[in-house]
PDB file of N, CA and C in Angstrom:
ATOM      1  N   MET A   1      61.048 -38.100-117.472  1.00  0.00           N
ATOM      2  CA  MET A   1      60.285 -39.345-117.376  1.00  0.00           C
ATOM      3  C   MET A   1      58.924 -39.148-118.029  1.00  0.00           C
ATOM      4  N   MET A   2      58.525 -40.108-118.833  1.00  0.00           N
ATOM      5  CA  MET A   2      57.267 -40.010-119.557  1.00  0.00           C
ATOM      6  C   MET A   2      56.102 -40.354-118.630  1.00  0.00           C
ATOM      7  N   PRO A   3      54.981 -39.618-118.728  1.00  0.00           N
ATOM      8  CA  PRO A   3      53.824 -39.903-117.881  1.00  0.00           C
ATOM      9  C   PRO A   3      53.182 -41.232-118.245  1.00  0.00           C
ATOM     10  N   ASP A   4      52.422 -41.790-117.297  1.00  0.00           N
ATOM     11  CA  ASP A   4      51.682 -43.022-117.559  1.00  0.00           C
ATOM     12  C   ASP A   4      50.488 -42.680-118.440  1.00  0.00           C
ATOM     13  N   ILE A   5      50.547 -43.107-119.693  1.00  0.00           N
ATOM     14  CA  ILE A   5      49.531 -42.764-120.683  1.00  0.00           C
ATOM     15  C   ILE A   5      48.166 -43.316-120.289  1.00  0.00           C
ATOM     16  N   ASN A   6      48.122 -44.403-119.553  1.00  0.00           N
ATOM     17  CA  ASN A   6      46.855 -45.032-119.224  1.00  0.00           C
ATOM     18  C   ASN A   6      46.145 -44.414-118.026  1.00  0.00           C
ATOM     19  N   GLN A   7      46.751 -43.450-117.375  1.00  0.00           N
ATOM     20  CA  GLN A   7      46.075 -42.781-116.268  1.00  0.00           C
ATOM     21  C   GLN A   7      44.967 -41.904-116.835  1.00  0.00           C
ATOM     22  N   SER A   8      43.756 -42.156-116.408  1.00  0.00           N
ATOM     23  CA  SER A   8      42.625 -41.415-116.972  1.00  0.00           C
ATOM     24  C   SER A   8      42.644 -39.945-116.576  1.00  0.00           C
ATOM     25  N   ALA A   9      43.349 -39.590-115.500  1.00  0.00           N
ATOM     26  CA  ALA A   9      43.366 -38.200-115.053  1.00  0.00           C
ATOM     27  C   ALA A   9      44.392 -37.353-115.808  1.00  0.00           C
ATOM     28  N   THR A  10      45.298 -38.003-116.541  1.00  0.00           N
ATOM     29  CA  THR A  10      46.307 -37.257-117.280  1.00  0.00           C
ATOM     30  C   THR A  10      45.654 -36.553-118.463  1.00  0.00           C
ATOM     31  N   CYS A  11      45.870 -35.237-118.537  1.00  0.00           N
ATOM     32  CA  CYS A  11      45.325 -34.444-119.625  1.00  0.00           C
ATOM     33  C   CYS A  11      46.444 -34.090-120.594  1.00  0.00           C
ATOM     34  N   TYR A  12      46.103 -33.986-121.849  1.00  0.00           N
ATOM     35  CA  TYR A  12      47.074 -33.674-122.897  1.00  0.00           C
ATOM     36  C   TYR A  12      46.606 -32.469-123.696  1.00  0.00           C
ATOM     37  N   GLN A  13      47.568 -31.711-124.171  1.00  0.00           N
ATOM     38  CA  GLN A  13      47.259 -30.607-125.070  1.00  0.00           C
ATOM     39  C   GLN A  13      48.292 -30.597-126.182  1.00  0.00           C
ATOM     40  N   LYS A  14      47.905 -30.008-127.296  1.00  0.00           N
ATOM     41  CA  LYS A  14      48.816 -29.904-128.432  1.00  0.00           C
ATOM     42  C   LYS A  14      49.957 -28.955-128.097  1.00  0.00           C
ATOM     43  N   ASN A  15      51.139 -29.285-128.585  1.00  0.00           N
ATOM     44  CA  ASN A  15      52.276 -28.384-128.458  1.00  0.00           C
ATOM     45  C   ASN A  15      51.981 -27.160-129.337  1.00  0.00           C
ATOM     46  N   PRO A  16      51.987 -25.958-128.765  1.00  0.00           N
ATOM     47  CA  PRO A  16      51.619 -24.768-129.544  1.00  0.00           C
ATOM     48  C   PRO A  16      52.623 -24.387-130.634  1.00  0.00           C
ATOM     49  N   SER A  17      53.802 -25.001-130.652  1.00  0.00           N
ATOM     50  CA  SER A  17      54.792 -24.651-131.673  1.00  0.00           C
ATOM     51  C   SER A  17      54.666 -25.509-132.931  1.00  0.00           C
ATOM     52  N   LEU A  18      53.515 -26.186-133.096  1.00  0.00           N
ATOM     53  CA  LEU A  18      53.295 -27.057-134.253  1.00  0.00           C
ATOM     54  C   LEU A  18      52.319 -26.434-135.238  1.00  0.00           C
ATOM     55  N   VAL A  19      52.569 -26.707-136.513  1.00  0.00           N
ATOM     56  CA  VAL A  19      51.657 -26.326-137.584  1.00  0.00           C
ATOM     57  C   VAL A  19      51.206 -27.622-138.236  1.00  0.00           C
ATOM     58  N   CYS A  20      49.895 -27.730-138.489  1.00  0.00           N
ATOM     59  CA  CYS A  20      49.321 -28.942-139.069  1.00  0.00           C
ATOM     60  C   CYS A  20      48.738 -28.635-140.441  1.00  0.00           C
ATOM     61  N   THR A  21      49.108 -29.459-141.417  1.00  0.00           N
ATOM     62  CA  THR A  21      48.517 -29.380-142.751  1.00  0.00           C
ATOM     63  C   THR A  21      47.847 -30.712-143.030  1.00  0.00           C
ATOM     64  N   GLU A  22      46.522 -30.665-143.233  1.00  0.00           N
ATOM     65  CA  GLU A  22      45.742 -31.886-143.431  1.00  0.00           C
ATOM     66  C   GLU A  22      45.631 -32.247-144.905  1.00  0.00           C
ATOM     67  N   PHE A  23      45.590 -33.554-145.155  1.00  0.00           N
ATOM     68  CA  PHE A  23      45.374 -34.125-146.474  1.00  0.00           C
ATOM     69  C   PHE A  23      44.201 -35.091-146.372  1.00  0.00           C
ATOM     70  N   ASP A  24      43.806 -35.689-147.476  1.00  0.00           N
ATOM     71  CA  ASP A  24      42.678 -36.624-147.469  1.00  0.00           C
ATOM     72  C   ASP A  24      42.907 -37.819-146.549  1.00  0.00           C
ATOM     73  N   ASP A  25      44.121 -38.322-146.489  1.00  0.00           N
ATOM     74  CA  ASP A  25      44.398 -39.535-145.735  1.00  0.00           C
ATOM     75  C   ASP A  25      45.318 -39.329-144.542  1.00  0.00           C
ATOM     76  N   GLY A  26      45.437 -38.110-144.055  1.00  0.00           N
ATOM     77  CA  GLY A  26      46.279 -37.853-142.901  1.00  0.00           C
ATOM     78  C   GLY A  26      46.713 -36.404-142.839  1.00  0.00           C
ATOM     79  N   ALA A  27      47.886 -36.181-142.243  1.00  0.00           N
ATOM     80  CA  ALA A  27      48.376 -34.811-142.087  1.00  0.00           C
ATOM     81  C   ALA A  27      49.887 -34.820-141.892  1.00  0.00           C
ATOM     82  N   ILE A  28      50.463 -33.646-142.069  1.00  0.00           N
ATOM     83  CA  ILE A  28      51.874 -33.408-141.765  1.00  0.00           C
ATOM     84  C   ILE A  28      51.924 -32.358-140.663  1.00  0.00           C
ATOM     85  N   LEU A  29      52.706 -32.633-139.625  1.00  0.00           N
ATOM     86  CA  LEU A  29      52.936 -31.665-138.565  1.00  0.00           C
ATOM     87  C   LEU A  29      54.346 -31.126-138.724  1.00  0.00           C
ATOM     88  N   LEU A  30      54.511 -29.836-138.535  1.00  0.00           N
ATOM     89  CA  LEU A  30      55.830 -29.211-138.549  1.00  0.00           C
ATOM     90  C   LEU A  30      56.054 -28.562-137.201  1.00  0.00           C
ATOM     91  N   ASN A  31      57.132 -28.966-136.540  1.00  0.00           N
ATOM     92  CA  ASN A  31      57.523 -28.323-135.292  1.00  0.00           C
ATOM     93  C   ASN A  31      58.362 -27.108-135.662  1.00  0.00           C
ATOM     94  N   LEU A  32      57.848 -25.926-135.389  1.00  0.00           N
ATOM     95  CA  LEU A  32      58.522 -24.695-135.771  1.00  0.00           C
ATOM     96  C   LEU A  32      59.823 -24.474-135.017  1.00  0.00           C
ATOM     97  N   HIS A  33      59.981 -25.099-133.851  1.00  0.00           N
ATOM     98  CA  HIS A  33      61.221 -24.936-133.075  1.00  0.00           C
ATOM     99  C   HIS A  33      62.328 -25.866-133.548  1.00  0.00           C
ATOM    100  N   THR A  34      61.959 -27.125-133.825  1.00  0.00           N
ATOM    101  CA  THR A  34      62.981 -28.103-134.213  1.00  0.00           C
ATOM    102  C   THR A  34      63.119 -28.250-135.725  1.00  0.00           C
ATOM    103  N   LYS A  35      62.124 -27.772-136.470  1.00  0.00           N
ATOM    104  CA  LYS A  35      62.047 -27.902-137.937  1.00  0.00           C
ATOM    105  C   LYS A  35      61.847 -29.350-138.391  1.00  0.00           C
ATOM    106  N   TYR A  36      61.423 -30.226-137.478  1.00  0.00           N
ATOM    107  CA  TYR A  36      61.130 -31.613-137.830  1.00  0.00           C
ATOM    108  C   TYR A  36      59.698 -31.736-138.330  1.00  0.00           C
ATOM    109  N   TYR A  37      59.512 -32.618-139.312  1.00  0.00           N
ATOM    110  CA  TYR A  37      58.197 -32.935-139.850  1.00  0.00           C
ATOM    111  C   TYR A  37      57.748 -34.285-139.302  1.00  0.00           C
ATOM    112  N   TYR A  38      56.437 -34.430-139.113  1.00  0.00           N
ATOM    113  CA  TYR A  38      55.855 -35.684-138.643  1.00  0.00           C
ATOM    114  C   TYR A  38      54.648 -35.998-139.511  1.00  0.00           C
ATOM    115  N   ASN A  39      54.504 -37.255-139.865  1.00  0.00           N
ATOM    116  CA  ASN A  39      53.390 -37.705-140.691  1.00  0.00           C
ATOM    117  C   ASN A  39      52.348 -38.372-139.792  1.00  0.00           C
ATOM    118  N   LEU A  40      51.086 -37.960-139.908  1.00  0.00           N
ATOM    119  CA  LEU A  40      49.998 -38.595-139.170  1.00  0.00           C
ATOM    120  C   LEU A  40      49.097 -39.335-140.147  1.00  0.00           C
ATOM    121  N   ASN A  41      48.772 -40.583-139.824  1.00  0.00           N
ATOM    122  CA  ASN A  41      47.794 -41.296-140.643  1.00  0.00           C
ATOM    123  C   ASN A  41      46.390 -40.821-140.256  1.00  0.00           C
ATOM    124  N   GLU A  42      45.386 -41.371-140.889  1.00  0.00           N
ATOM    125  CA  GLU A  42      44.006 -40.907-140.671  1.00  0.00           C
ATOM    126  C   GLU A  42      43.571 -41.041-139.210  1.00  0.00           C
ATOM    127  N   THR A  43      43.912 -42.164-138.575  1.00  0.00           N
ATOM    128  CA  THR A  43      43.525 -42.373-137.177  1.00  0.00           C
ATOM    129  C   THR A  43      44.243 -41.393-136.256  1.00  0.00           C
ATOM    130  N   ALA A  44      45.544 -41.231-136.458  1.00  0.00           N
ATOM    131  CA  ALA A  44      46.303 -40.285-135.637  1.00  0.00           C
ATOM    132  C   ALA A  44      45.796 -38.862-135.834  1.00  0.00           C
ATOM    133  N   LEU A  45      45.403 -38.525-137.056  1.00  0.00           N
ATOM    134  CA  LEU A  45      44.843 -37.198-137.318  1.00  0.00           C
ATOM    135  C   LEU A  45      43.522 -37.022-136.578  1.00  0.00           C
ATOM    136  N   SER A  46      42.691 -38.054-136.535  1.00  0.00           N
ATOM    137  CA  SER A  46      41.436 -37.977-135.772  1.00  0.00           C
ATOM    138  C   SER A  46      41.721 -37.696-134.303  1.00  0.00           C
ATOM    139  N   ILE A  47      42.702 -38.406-133.757  1.00  0.00           N
ATOM    140  CA  ILE A  47      43.085 -38.191-132.354  1.00  0.00           C
ATOM    141  C   ILE A  47      43.615 -36.776-132.174  1.00  0.00           C
ATOM    142  N   TRP A  48      44.461 -36.327-133.092  1.00  0.00           N
ATOM    143  CA  TRP A  48      45.009 -34.970-133.045  1.00  0.00           C
ATOM    144  C   TRP A  48      43.878 -33.930-133.022  1.00  0.00           C
ATOM    145  N   ASN A  49      42.901 -34.103-133.904  1.00  0.00           N
ATOM    146  CA  ASN A  49      41.788 -33.156-133.970  1.00  0.00           C
ATOM    147  C   ASN A  49      40.897 -33.221-132.736  1.00  0.00           C
ATOM    148  N   LEU A  50      40.755 -34.407-132.143  1.00  0.00           N
ATOM    149  CA  LEU A  50      39.956 -34.534-130.921  1.00  0.00           C
ATOM    150  C   LEU A  50      40.603 -33.800-129.745  1.00  0.00           C
ATOM    151  N   LEU A  51      41.900 -33.570-129.819  1.00  0.00           N
ATOM    152  CA  LEU A  51      42.576 -32.812-128.760  1.00  0.00           C
ATOM    153  C   LEU A  51      42.103 -31.363-128.691  1.00  0.00           C
ATOM    154  N   ASN A  52      41.376 -30.901-129.701  1.00  0.00           N
ATOM    155  CA  ASN A  52      40.799 -29.556-129.645  1.00  0.00           C
ATOM    156  C   ASN A  52      39.696 -29.459-128.605  1.00  0.00           C
ATOM    157  N   GLU A  53      39.024 -30.588-128.320  1.00  0.00           N
ATOM    158  CA  GLU A  53      37.894 -30.558-127.400  1.00  0.00           C
ATOM    159  C   GLU A  53      38.023 -31.510-126.219  1.00  0.00           C
ATOM    160  N   LEU A  54      38.842 -32.546-126.357  1.00  0.00           N
ATOM    161  CA  LEU A  54      39.024 -33.543-125.304  1.00  0.00           C
ATOM    162  C   LEU A  54      40.489 -33.608-124.922  1.00  0.00           C
ATOM    163  N   SER A  55      40.771 -34.136-123.718  1.00  0.00           N
ATOM    164  CA  SER A  55      42.174 -34.112-123.322  1.00  0.00           C
ATOM    165  C   SER A  55      42.685 -35.384-122.658  1.00  0.00           C
ATOM    166  N   THR A  56      41.835 -36.359-122.372  1.00  0.00           N
ATOM    167  CA  THR A  56      42.321 -37.585-121.739  1.00  0.00           C
ATOM    168  C   THR A  56      42.187 -38.762-122.702  1.00  0.00           C
ATOM    169  N   VAL A  57      42.992 -39.786-122.468  1.00  0.00           N
ATOM    170  CA  VAL A  57      42.954 -40.976-123.318  1.00  0.00           C
ATOM    171  C   VAL A  57      41.567 -41.621-123.320  1.00  0.00           C
ATOM    172  N   PRO A  58      40.927 -41.832-122.149  1.00  0.00           N
ATOM    173  CA  PRO A  58      39.595 -42.442-122.177  1.00  0.00           C
ATOM    174  C   PRO A  58      38.549 -41.613-122.935  1.00  0.00           C
ATOM    175  N   GLU A  59      38.590 -40.288-122.805  1.00  0.00           N
ATOM    176  CA  GLU A  59      37.649 -39.435-123.541  1.00  0.00           C
ATOM    177  C   GLU A  59      37.838 -39.579-125.050  1.00  0.00           C
ATOM    178  N   ILE A  60      39.086 -39.534-125.471  1.00  0.00           N
ATOM    179  CA  ILE A  60      39.386 -39.640-126.896  1.00  0.00           C
ATOM    180  C   ILE A  60      39.023 -41.035-127.403  1.00  0.00           C
ATOM    181  N   ALA A  61      39.346 -42.071-126.629  1.00  0.00           N
ATOM    182  CA  ALA A  61      39.027 -43.449-127.033  1.00  0.00           C
ATOM    183  C   ALA A  61      37.523 -43.632-127.210  1.00  0.00           C
ATOM    184  N   GLU A  62      36.734 -43.020-126.344  1.00  0.00           N
ATOM    185  CA  GLU A  62      35.281 -43.130-126.458  1.00  0.00           C
ATOM    186  C   GLU A  62      34.778 -42.556-127.777  1.00  0.00           C
ATOM    187  N   LYS A  63      35.335 -41.423-128.191  1.00  0.00           N
ATOM    188  CA  LYS A  63      34.965 -40.818-129.475  1.00  0.00           C
ATOM    189  C   LYS A  63      35.410 -41.703-130.642  1.00  0.00           C
ATOM    190  N   ILE A  64      36.594 -42.313-130.513  1.00  0.00           N
ATOM    191  CA  ILE A  64      37.101 -43.208-131.555  1.00  0.00           C
ATOM    192  C   ILE A  64      36.181 -44.425-131.690  1.00  0.00           C
ATOM    193  N   VAL A  65      35.689 -44.947-130.568  1.00  0.00           N
ATOM    194  CA  VAL A  65      34.747 -46.075-130.592  1.00  0.00           C
ATOM    195  C   VAL A  65      33.519 -45.695-131.403  1.00  0.00           C
ATOM    196  N   ASP A  66      32.998 -44.503-131.166  1.00  0.00           N
ATOM    197  CA  ASP A  66      31.805 -44.046-131.893  1.00  0.00           C
ATOM    198  C   ASP A  66      32.095 -43.821-133.381  1.00  0.00           C
ATOM    199  N   GLU A  67      33.243 -43.231-133.679  1.00  0.00           N
ATOM    200  CA  GLU A  67      33.572 -42.860-135.056  1.00  0.00           C
ATOM    201  C   GLU A  67      33.946 -44.066-135.926  1.00  0.00           C
ATOM    202  N   TYR A  68      34.730 -44.992-135.362  1.00  0.00           N
ATOM    203  CA  TYR A  68      35.269 -46.095-136.162  1.00  0.00           C
ATOM    204  C   TYR A  68      34.625 -47.447-135.866  1.00  0.00           C
ATOM    205  N   GLU A  69      33.703 -47.501-134.916  1.00  0.00           N
ATOM    206  CA  GLU A  69      33.026 -48.742-134.561  1.00  0.00           C
ATOM    207  C   GLU A  69      34.014 -49.860-134.199  1.00  0.00           C
ATOM    208  N   VAL A  70      34.972 -49.537-133.344  1.00  0.00           N
ATOM    209  CA  VAL A  70      35.897 -50.530-132.798  1.00  0.00           C
ATOM    210  C   VAL A  70      35.530 -50.751-131.339  1.00  0.00           C
ATOM    211  N   ASP A  71      36.005 -51.864-130.758  1.00  0.00           N
ATOM    212  CA  ASP A  71      35.664 -52.088-129.361  1.00  0.00           C
ATOM    213  C   ASP A  71      36.505 -51.182-128.455  1.00  0.00           C
ATOM    214  N   LYS A  72      36.012 -50.966-127.261  1.00  0.00           N
ATOM    215  CA  LYS A  72      36.595 -49.984-126.345  1.00  0.00           C
ATOM    216  C   LYS A  72      38.034 -50.323-125.960  1.00  0.00           C
ATOM    217  N   ASP A  73      38.325 -51.596-125.690  1.00  0.00           N
ATOM    218  CA  ASP A  73      39.680 -51.984-125.297  1.00  0.00           C
ATOM    219  C   ASP A  73      40.683 -51.706-126.410  1.00  0.00           C
ATOM    220  N   ARG A  74      40.292 -52.030-127.630  1.00  0.00           N
ATOM    221  CA  ARG A  74      41.184 -51.779-128.772  1.00  0.00           C
ATOM    222  C   ARG A  74      41.405 -50.276-128.955  1.00  0.00           C
ATOM    223  N   ALA A  75      40.333 -49.494-128.805  1.00  0.00           N
ATOM    224  CA  ALA A  75      40.453 -48.035-128.933  1.00  0.00           C
ATOM    225  C   ALA A  75      41.362 -47.464-127.843  1.00  0.00           C
ATOM    226  N   LEU A  76      41.189 -47.936-126.609  1.00  0.00           N
ATOM    227  CA  LEU A  76      42.053 -47.464-125.507  1.00  0.00           C
ATOM    228  C   LEU A  76      43.513 -47.790-125.776  1.00  0.00           C
ATOM    229  N   ASP A  77      43.781 -49.011-126.240  1.00  0.00           N
ATOM    230  CA  ASP A  77      45.158 -49.400-126.553  1.00  0.00           C
ATOM    231  C   ASP A  77      45.737 -48.533-127.667  1.00  0.00           C
ATOM    232  N   SER A  78      44.972 -48.338-128.727  1.00  0.00           N
ATOM    233  CA  SER A  78      45.452 -47.553-129.873  1.00  0.00           C
ATOM    234  C   SER A  78      45.672 -46.101-129.506  1.00  0.00           C
ATOM    235  N   VAL A  79      44.706 -45.507-128.824  1.00  0.00           N
ATOM    236  CA  VAL A  79      44.846 -44.099-128.422  1.00  0.00           C
ATOM    237  C   VAL A  79      46.010 -43.951-127.450  1.00  0.00           C
ATOM    238  N   GLY A  80      46.134 -44.870-126.501  1.00  0.00           N
ATOM    239  CA  GLY A  80      47.245 -44.815-125.548  1.00  0.00           C
ATOM    240  C   GLY A  80      48.599 -44.906-126.243  1.00  0.00           C
ATOM    241  N   ARG A  81      48.706 -45.795-127.221  1.00  0.00           N
ATOM    242  CA  ARG A  81      49.964 -45.972-127.961  1.00  0.00           C
ATOM    243  C   ARG A  81      50.294 -44.709-128.763  1.00  0.00           C
ATOM    244  N   ILE A  82      49.285 -44.179-129.474  1.00  0.00           N
ATOM    245  CA  ILE A  82      49.519 -42.985-130.291  1.00  0.00           C
ATOM    246  C   ILE A  82      49.849 -41.784-129.409  1.00  0.00           C
ATOM    247  N   MET A  83      49.148 -41.644-128.293  1.00  0.00           N
ATOM    248  CA  MET A  83      49.437 -40.520-127.383  1.00  0.00           C
ATOM    249  C   MET A  83      50.847 -40.649-126.805  1.00  0.00           C
ATOM    250  N   ALA A  84      51.276 -41.874-126.516  1.00  0.00           N
ATOM    251  CA  ALA A  84      52.643 -42.085-126.009  1.00  0.00           C
ATOM    252  C   ALA A  84      53.673 -41.645-127.043  1.00  0.00           C
ATOM    253  N   GLU A  85      53.429 -41.991-128.313  1.00  0.00           N
ATOM    254  CA  GLU A  85      54.346 -41.588-129.386  1.00  0.00           C
ATOM    255  C   GLU A  85      54.356 -40.068-129.568  1.00  0.00           C
ATOM    256  N   LEU A  86      53.169 -39.459-129.556  1.00  0.00           N
ATOM    257  CA  LEU A  86      53.078 -38.009-129.695  1.00  0.00           C
ATOM    258  C   LEU A  86      53.758 -37.295-128.535  1.00  0.00           C
ATOM    259  N   CYS A  87      53.586 -37.842-127.357  1.00  0.00           N
ATOM    260  CA  CYS A  87      54.206 -37.274-126.152  1.00  0.00           C
ATOM    261  C   CYS A  87      55.729 -37.417-126.202  1.00  0.00           C
ATOM    262  N   GLU A  88      56.193 -38.596-126.608  1.00  0.00           N
ATOM    263  CA  GLU A  88      57.626 -38.865-126.695  1.00  0.00           C
ATOM    264  C   GLU A  88      58.307 -37.907-127.670  1.00  0.00           C
ATOM    265  N   GLU A  89      57.633 -37.569-128.747  1.00  0.00           N
ATOM    266  CA  GLU A  89      58.178 -36.659-129.765  1.00  0.00           C
ATOM    267  C   GLU A  89      57.963 -35.189-129.404  1.00  0.00           C
ATOM    268  N   GLY A  90      57.257 -34.922-128.294  1.00  0.00           N
ATOM    269  CA  GLY A  90      57.009 -33.550-127.878  1.00  0.00           C
ATOM    270  C   GLY A  90      55.897 -32.868-128.659  1.00  0.00           C
ATOM    271  N   LEU A  91      55.065 -33.647-129.336  1.00  0.00           N
ATOM    272  CA  LEU A  91      53.980 -33.088-130.129  1.00  0.00           C
ATOM    273  C   LEU A  91      52.765 -32.763-129.278  1.00  0.00           C
ATOM    274  N   VAL A  92      52.609 -33.487-128.169  1.00  0.00           N
ATOM    275  CA  VAL A  92      51.596 -33.170-127.173  1.00  0.00           C
ATOM    276  C   VAL A  92      52.289 -33.031-125.829  1.00  0.00           C
ATOM    277  N   ILE A  93      51.651 -32.316-124.943  1.00  0.00           N
ATOM    278  CA  ILE A  93      52.204 -32.034-123.625  1.00  0.00           C
ATOM    279  C   ILE A  93      51.263 -32.607-122.574  1.00  0.00           C
ATOM    280  N   ALA A  94      51.807 -33.421-121.672  1.00  0.00           N
ATOM    281  CA  ALA A  94      51.017 -33.986-120.574  1.00  0.00           C
ATOM    282  C   ALA A  94      50.934 -32.970-119.447  1.00  0.00           C
ATOM    283  N   GLN A  95      49.743 -32.879-118.860  1.00  0.00           N
ATOM    284  CA  GLN A  95      49.548 -31.948-117.754  1.00  0.00           C
ATOM    285  C   GLN A  95      49.201 -32.702-116.493  1.00  0.00           C
TER     286      GLN A  95
END
């Protein structure tokens, strides 16, 4: 069962079996266990990189608000959606 992405107490971390290669407009993730590739756009890459220092959806959304000058509700929705997709694919792990 997938965790509730909107719970502010849920922490996320990157799956350690992934390798990330960044490009100007995004990145490619390779899961070393499954051999599947994943494409991240610029926004998803920003969220991915923020996982190095932050771990909850609200924390990451706050940084996105500052970086992209979007309103907080839109940032929360976008970060929540992207984190749900990353979690569903096993790219991030909910704690």
